[in-house]
Amino acid sequence: MRQIALSNKPLRGIPRRLRALERWASSFRDEFHPRSEHMERYTHWKIPVHAALVQGPQARIEVQAFCIQQLLEAACHLSNAADHSQGYYRVACLLVWPWVHQSEVTLFYDRDYYLGFLGETNTLKPERISDVLALHAPAHFIEHGHDVTQPDDEVAVQWWCIGEPA
């Protein structure tokens, strides 16, 4: 379950929360989510964790990496279950670093819409967040990153799209 932090109390039950995230990611195994009759361009699942687990003063890089890896596992399951005879269907993880609580797994049903997220080039190349965090993305996934830092941001903010080629 997604939760925001309303206090600075230490987060309890971190191993239990990480096991729940693992179960969530594995729940996508053999799940195919076709485009509905509403003809939406995408559907998505935000990372289902407490915000303090992945960002803020209590967040640890190892836990952040584990949580992002679970997003990639969910994306891999969705990609493997894809029925491409149903039309355009691409899976990607949209990551905001270091604000991981904003990250999600997204299914794109519209190529042009996906290309808008993916971007034409990886502007942060040769940097790869998968190398920085020791992530294991599926071999057929590509990785594009962009610096989206705003003048009032206190830290550098990067936006990453790790997913299937368009």
C-alpha atoms as a PDB file:
ATOM      1  CA  MET A   1       0.000   0.000   0.000  1.00  0.00           C
ATOM      2  CA  ARG A   2       1.268   3.472  -0.865  1.00  0.00           C
ATOM      3  CA  GLN A   3       1.632   5.710   2.174  1.00  0.00           C
ATOM      4  CA  ILE A   4       3.071   9.120   2.810  1.00  0.00           C
ATOM      5  CA  ALA A   5       4.985  10.040   5.942  1.00  0.00           C
ATOM      6  CA  LEU A   6       3.139  12.336   8.333  1.00  0.00           C
ATOM      7  CA  SER A   7       5.846  12.275  10.975  1.00  0.00           C
ATOM      8  CA  ASN A   8       9.575  11.669  11.317  1.00  0.00           C
ATOM      9  CA  LYS A   9       9.182   8.568  13.464  1.00  0.00           C
ATOM     10  CA  PRO A  10      11.478   5.711  12.455  1.00  0.00           C
ATOM     11  CA  LEU A  11       9.767   3.380  10.016  1.00  0.00           C
ATOM     12  CA  ARG A  12       9.121  -0.038  11.525  1.00  0.00           C
ATOM     13  CA  GLY A  13       8.820  -3.431   9.883  1.00  0.00           C
ATOM     14  CA  ILE A  14      11.108  -2.757   6.949  1.00  0.00           C
ATOM     15  CA  PRO A  15      11.802  -6.462   6.163  1.00  0.00           C
ATOM     16  CA  ARG A  16       8.031  -7.151   6.189  1.00  0.00           C
ATOM     17  CA  ARG A  17       7.425  -4.205   3.856  1.00  0.00           C
ATOM     18  CA  LEU A  18      10.111  -5.431   1.452  1.00  0.00           C
ATOM     19  CA  ARG A  19       8.616  -8.950   1.419  1.00  0.00           C
ATOM     20  CA  ALA A  20       5.230  -7.427   0.602  1.00  0.00           C
ATOM     21  CA  LEU A  21       6.805  -5.523  -2.285  1.00  0.00           C
ATOM     22  CA  GLU A  22       8.342  -8.765  -3.579  1.00  0.00           C
ATOM     23  CA  ARG A  23       4.911 -10.430  -3.465  1.00  0.00           C
ATOM     24  CA  TRP A  24       3.420  -7.456  -5.323  1.00  0.00           C
ATOM     25  CA  ALA A  25       6.036  -7.724  -8.092  1.00  0.00           C
ATOM     26  CA  SER A  26       5.555 -11.477  -8.459  1.00  0.00           C
ATOM     27  CA  SER A  27       1.781 -11.000  -8.677  1.00  0.00           C
ATOM     28  CA  PHE A  28       2.307  -9.741 -12.244  1.00  0.00           C
ATOM     29  CA  ARG A  29       3.630 -13.132 -13.372  1.00  0.00           C
ATOM     30  CA  ASP A  30       1.569 -14.333 -16.361  1.00  0.00           C
ATOM     31  CA  GLU A  31      -0.653 -11.239 -16.144  1.00  0.00           C
ATOM     32  CA  PHE A  32      -1.656  -9.694 -19.454  1.00  0.00           C
ATOM     33  CA  HIS A  33      -3.434  -6.348 -19.284  1.00  0.00           C
ATOM     34  CA  PRO A  34      -4.941  -5.581 -22.702  1.00  0.00           C
ATOM     35  CA  ARG A  35      -6.102  -2.138 -23.688  1.00  0.00           C
ATOM     36  CA  SER A  36      -9.629  -1.534 -22.431  1.00  0.00           C
ATOM     37  CA  GLU A  37     -12.570  -0.376 -24.481  1.00  0.00           C
ATOM     38  CA  HIS A  38     -11.912   3.154 -23.172  1.00  0.00           C
ATOM     39  CA  MET A  39      -8.856   3.269 -25.478  1.00  0.00           C
ATOM     40  CA  GLU A  40      -6.519   4.766 -22.889  1.00  0.00           C
ATOM     41  CA  ARG A  41      -2.945   5.369 -23.963  1.00  0.00           C
ATOM     42  CA  TYR A  42      -1.414   3.757 -20.880  1.00  0.00           C
ATOM     43  CA  THR A  43      -2.075   2.122 -17.544  1.00  0.00           C
ATOM     44  CA  HIS A  44       0.304   2.226 -14.585  1.00  0.00           C
ATOM     45  CA  TRP A  45       1.043   1.022 -11.069  1.00  0.00           C
ATOM     46  CA  LYS A  46       2.860   3.291  -8.616  1.00  0.00           C
ATOM     47  CA  ILE A  47       5.380   1.699  -6.280  1.00  0.00           C
ATOM     48  CA  PRO A  48       3.300   0.391  -3.347  1.00  0.00           C
ATOM     49  CA  VAL A  49       5.513   1.365  -0.407  1.00  0.00           C
ATOM     50  CA  HIS A  50       5.591   3.882   2.406  1.00  0.00           C
ATOM     51  CA  ALA A  51       7.307   7.073   1.200  1.00  0.00           C
ATOM     52  CA  ALA A  52       9.819   7.029   4.071  1.00  0.00           C
ATOM     53  CA  LEU A  53      11.097   3.660   2.858  1.00  0.00           C
ATOM     54  CA  VAL A  54      12.425   5.094  -0.411  1.00  0.00           C
ATOM     55  CA  GLN A  55      13.016   8.799   0.115  1.00  0.00           C
ATOM     56  CA  GLY A  56      13.850  11.214   2.849  1.00  0.00           C
ATOM     57  CA  PRO A  57      16.262  11.005   5.781  1.00  0.00           C
ATOM     58  CA  GLN A  58      15.411   7.367   6.649  1.00  0.00           C
ATOM     59  CA  ALA A  59      15.875   5.985   3.126  1.00  0.00           C
ATOM     60  CA  ARG A  60      18.913   3.821   2.463  1.00  0.00           C
ATOM     61  CA  ILE A  61      20.393   3.340  -0.993  1.00  0.00           C
ATOM     62  CA  GLU A  62      20.250  -0.465  -0.652  1.00  0.00           C
ATOM     63  CA  VAL A  63      16.523  -0.355   0.075  1.00  0.00           C
ATOM     64  CA  GLN A  64      15.900   2.095  -2.759  1.00  0.00           C
ATOM     65  CA  ALA A  65      17.771  -0.205  -5.155  1.00  0.00           C
ATOM     66  CA  PHE A  66      15.797  -3.225  -3.926  1.00  0.00           C
ATOM     67  CA  CYS A  67      12.502  -1.397  -4.465  1.00  0.00           C
ATOM     68  CA  ILE A  68      13.469  -0.292  -7.972  1.00  0.00           C
ATOM     69  CA  GLN A  69      14.556  -3.858  -8.734  1.00  0.00           C
ATOM     70  CA  GLN A  70      11.061  -5.028  -7.764  1.00  0.00           C
ATOM     71  CA  LEU A  71       9.569  -2.518 -10.206  1.00  0.00           C
ATOM     72  CA  LEU A  72      11.803  -4.034 -12.877  1.00  0.00           C
ATOM     73  CA  GLU A  73      10.689  -7.542 -11.881  1.00  0.00           C
ATOM     74  CA  ALA A  74       7.036  -6.532 -12.264  1.00  0.00           C
ATOM     75  CA  ALA A  75       7.833  -4.974 -15.651  1.00  0.00           C
ATOM     76  CA  CYS A  76       9.645  -8.134 -16.750  1.00  0.00           C
ATOM     77  CA  HIS A  77       6.631 -10.286 -15.820  1.00  0.00           C
ATOM     78  CA  LEU A  78       4.309  -7.969 -17.752  1.00  0.00           C
ATOM     79  CA  SER A  79       6.638  -7.996 -20.747  1.00  0.00           C
ATOM     80  CA  ASN A  80       6.874 -11.797 -20.750  1.00  0.00           C
ATOM     81  CA  ALA A  81       3.084 -12.160 -20.592  1.00  0.00           C
ATOM     82  CA  ALA A  82       2.475  -9.729 -23.466  1.00  0.00           C
ATOM     83  CA  ASP A  83       0.244 -10.783 -26.347  1.00  0.00           C
ATOM     84  CA  HIS A  84       1.486  -8.527 -29.155  1.00  0.00           C
ATOM     85  CA  SER A  85      -1.297  -9.691 -31.458  1.00  0.00           C
ATOM     86  CA  GLN A  86      -3.596  -7.408 -29.428  1.00  0.00           C
ATOM     87  CA  GLY A  87      -1.927  -4.251 -30.765  1.00  0.00           C
ATOM     88  CA  TYR A  88       0.824  -1.962 -29.495  1.00  0.00           C
ATOM     89  CA  TYR A  89       1.962  -2.987 -25.995  1.00  0.00           C
ATOM     90  CA  ARG A  90       5.185  -1.827 -24.349  1.00  0.00           C
ATOM     91  CA  VAL A  91       6.256  -2.054 -20.722  1.00  0.00           C
ATOM     92  CA  ALA A  92       8.541   0.415 -18.953  1.00  0.00           C
ATOM     93  CA  CYS A  93       9.622   1.496 -15.495  1.00  0.00           C
ATOM     94  CA  LEU A  94       9.459   5.243 -15.078  1.00  0.00           C
ATOM     95  CA  LEU A  95      11.874   6.184 -12.297  1.00  0.00           C
ATOM     96  CA  VAL A  96      12.460   9.495 -10.586  1.00  0.00           C
ATOM     97  CA  TRP A  97      15.824   9.599  -8.829  1.00  0.00           C
ATOM     98  CA  PRO A  98      16.162  10.320  -5.916  1.00  0.00           C
ATOM     99  CA  TRP A  99      12.373  10.716  -5.413  1.00  0.00           C
ATOM    100  CA  VAL A 100      11.677   6.990  -5.817  1.00  0.00           C
ATOM    101  CA  HIS A 101       8.157   7.185  -4.351  1.00  0.00           C
ATOM    102  CA  GLN A 102       7.061   8.829  -7.620  1.00  0.00           C
ATOM    103  CA  SER A 103       8.225   5.810  -9.664  1.00  0.00           C
ATOM    104  CA  GLU A 104       5.919   3.392 -11.450  1.00  0.00           C
ATOM    105  CA  VAL A 105       5.523   0.502 -13.872  1.00  0.00           C
ATOM    106  CA  THR A 106       3.661   1.610 -16.982  1.00  0.00           C
ATOM    107  CA  LEU A 107       2.046  -0.213 -19.892  1.00  0.00           C
ATOM    108  CA  PHE A 108       1.904   1.887 -23.028  1.00  0.00           C
ATOM    109  CA  TYR A 109      -0.749   1.190 -25.656  1.00  0.00           C
ATOM    110  CA  ASP A 110       0.206   4.137 -27.883  1.00  0.00           C
ATOM    111  CA  ARG A 111       3.617   4.316 -29.587  1.00  0.00           C
ATOM    112  CA  ASP A 112       3.757   8.109 -29.915  1.00  0.00           C
ATOM    113  CA  TYR A 113       2.820   8.535 -26.262  1.00  0.00           C
ATOM    114  CA  TYR A 114       5.579   6.108 -25.233  1.00  0.00           C
ATOM    115  CA  LEU A 115       8.136   7.897 -27.406  1.00  0.00           C
ATOM    116  CA  GLY A 116       7.270  11.109 -25.551  1.00  0.00           C
ATOM    117  CA  PHE A 117       8.383   9.434 -22.319  1.00  0.00           C
ATOM    118  CA  LEU A 118      11.325   7.563 -23.755  1.00  0.00           C
ATOM    119  CA  GLY A 119      12.869  10.526 -25.538  1.00  0.00           C
ATOM    120  CA  GLU A 120      14.953  10.351 -28.681  1.00  0.00           C
ATOM    121  CA  THR A 121      18.278   9.962 -26.904  1.00  0.00           C
ATOM    122  CA  ASN A 122      19.671   9.124 -23.509  1.00  0.00           C
ATOM    123  CA  THR A 123      20.834  12.590 -22.459  1.00  0.00           C
ATOM    124  CA  LEU A 124      22.673  11.195 -19.422  1.00  0.00           C
ATOM    125  CA  LYS A 125      24.664   8.692 -21.471  1.00  0.00           C
ATOM    126  CA  PRO A 126      27.064   7.055 -20.614  1.00  0.00           C
ATOM    127  CA  GLU A 127      25.604   7.088 -17.091  1.00  0.00           C
ATOM    128  CA  ARG A 128      23.146   4.285 -16.374  1.00  0.00           C
ATOM    129  CA  ILE A 129      21.101   4.083 -13.205  1.00  0.00           C
ATOM    130  CA  SER A 130      21.194   0.295 -13.475  1.00  0.00           C
ATOM    131  CA  ASP A 131      24.987   0.436 -13.089  1.00  0.00           C
ATOM    132  CA  VAL A 132      24.854   2.964 -10.246  1.00  0.00           C
ATOM    133  CA  LEU A 133      22.346   0.868  -8.248  1.00  0.00           C
ATOM    134  CA  ALA A 134      23.501  -2.592  -9.449  1.00  0.00           C
ATOM    135  CA  LEU A 135      20.080  -3.319 -10.975  1.00  0.00           C
ATOM    136  CA  HIS A 136      19.360  -6.294 -13.228  1.00  0.00           C
ATOM    137  CA  ALA A 137      17.082  -5.179 -16.039  1.00  0.00           C
ATOM    138  CA  PRO A 138      15.836  -7.680 -18.629  1.00  0.00           C
ATOM    139  CA  ALA A 139      18.292  -7.957 -21.522  1.00  0.00           C
ATOM    140  CA  HIS A 140      15.831  -6.566 -24.064  1.00  0.00           C
ATOM    141  CA  PHE A 141      15.069  -3.417 -22.023  1.00  0.00           C
ATOM    142  CA  ILE A 142      16.692  -0.114 -22.929  1.00  0.00           C
ATOM    143  CA  GLU A 143      17.565   2.688 -20.542  1.00  0.00           C
ATOM    144  CA  HIS A 144      17.136   6.406 -21.167  1.00  0.00           C
ATOM    145  CA  GLY A 145      17.825   9.093 -18.576  1.00  0.00           C
ATOM    146  CA  HIS A 146      17.232  12.814 -18.459  1.00  0.00           C
ATOM    147  CA  ASP A 147      18.253  15.494 -15.973  1.00  0.00           C
ATOM    148  CA  VAL A 148      15.053  17.240 -14.859  1.00  0.00           C
ATOM    149  CA  THR A 149      16.560  19.324 -12.058  1.00  0.00           C
ATOM    150  CA  GLN A 150      14.685  22.582 -11.504  1.00  0.00           C
ATOM    151  CA  PRO A 151      16.321  25.776 -10.164  1.00  0.00           C
ATOM    152  CA  ASP A 152      14.634  25.384  -6.758  1.00  0.00           C
ATOM    153  CA  ASP A 153      15.607  21.699  -6.319  1.00  0.00           C
ATOM    154  CA  GLU A 154      18.081  21.039  -3.530  1.00  0.00           C
ATOM    155  CA  VAL A 155      19.495  17.924  -5.233  1.00  0.00           C
ATOM    156  CA  ALA A 156      19.950  16.812  -8.819  1.00  0.00           C
ATOM    157  CA  VAL A 157      16.816  15.054 -10.079  1.00  0.00           C
ATOM    158  CA  GLN A 158      16.973  12.471 -12.842  1.00  0.00           C
ATOM    159  CA  TRP A 159      14.131  10.911 -14.727  1.00  0.00           C
ATOM    160  CA  TRP A 160      14.748   7.396 -16.117  1.00  0.00           C
ATOM    161  CA  CYS A 161      12.759   5.238 -18.482  1.00  0.00           C
ATOM    162  CA  ILE A 162      13.847   1.595 -18.427  1.00  0.00           C
ATOM    163  CA  GLY A 163      11.731  -0.501 -20.736  1.00  0.00           C
ATOM    164  CA  GLU A 164      11.110  -2.203 -24.017  1.00  0.00           C
ATOM    165  CA  PRO A 165      12.273  -0.509 -27.222  1.00  0.00           C
ATOM    166  CA  ALA A 166       9.514   1.510 -28.877  1.00  0.00           C
END
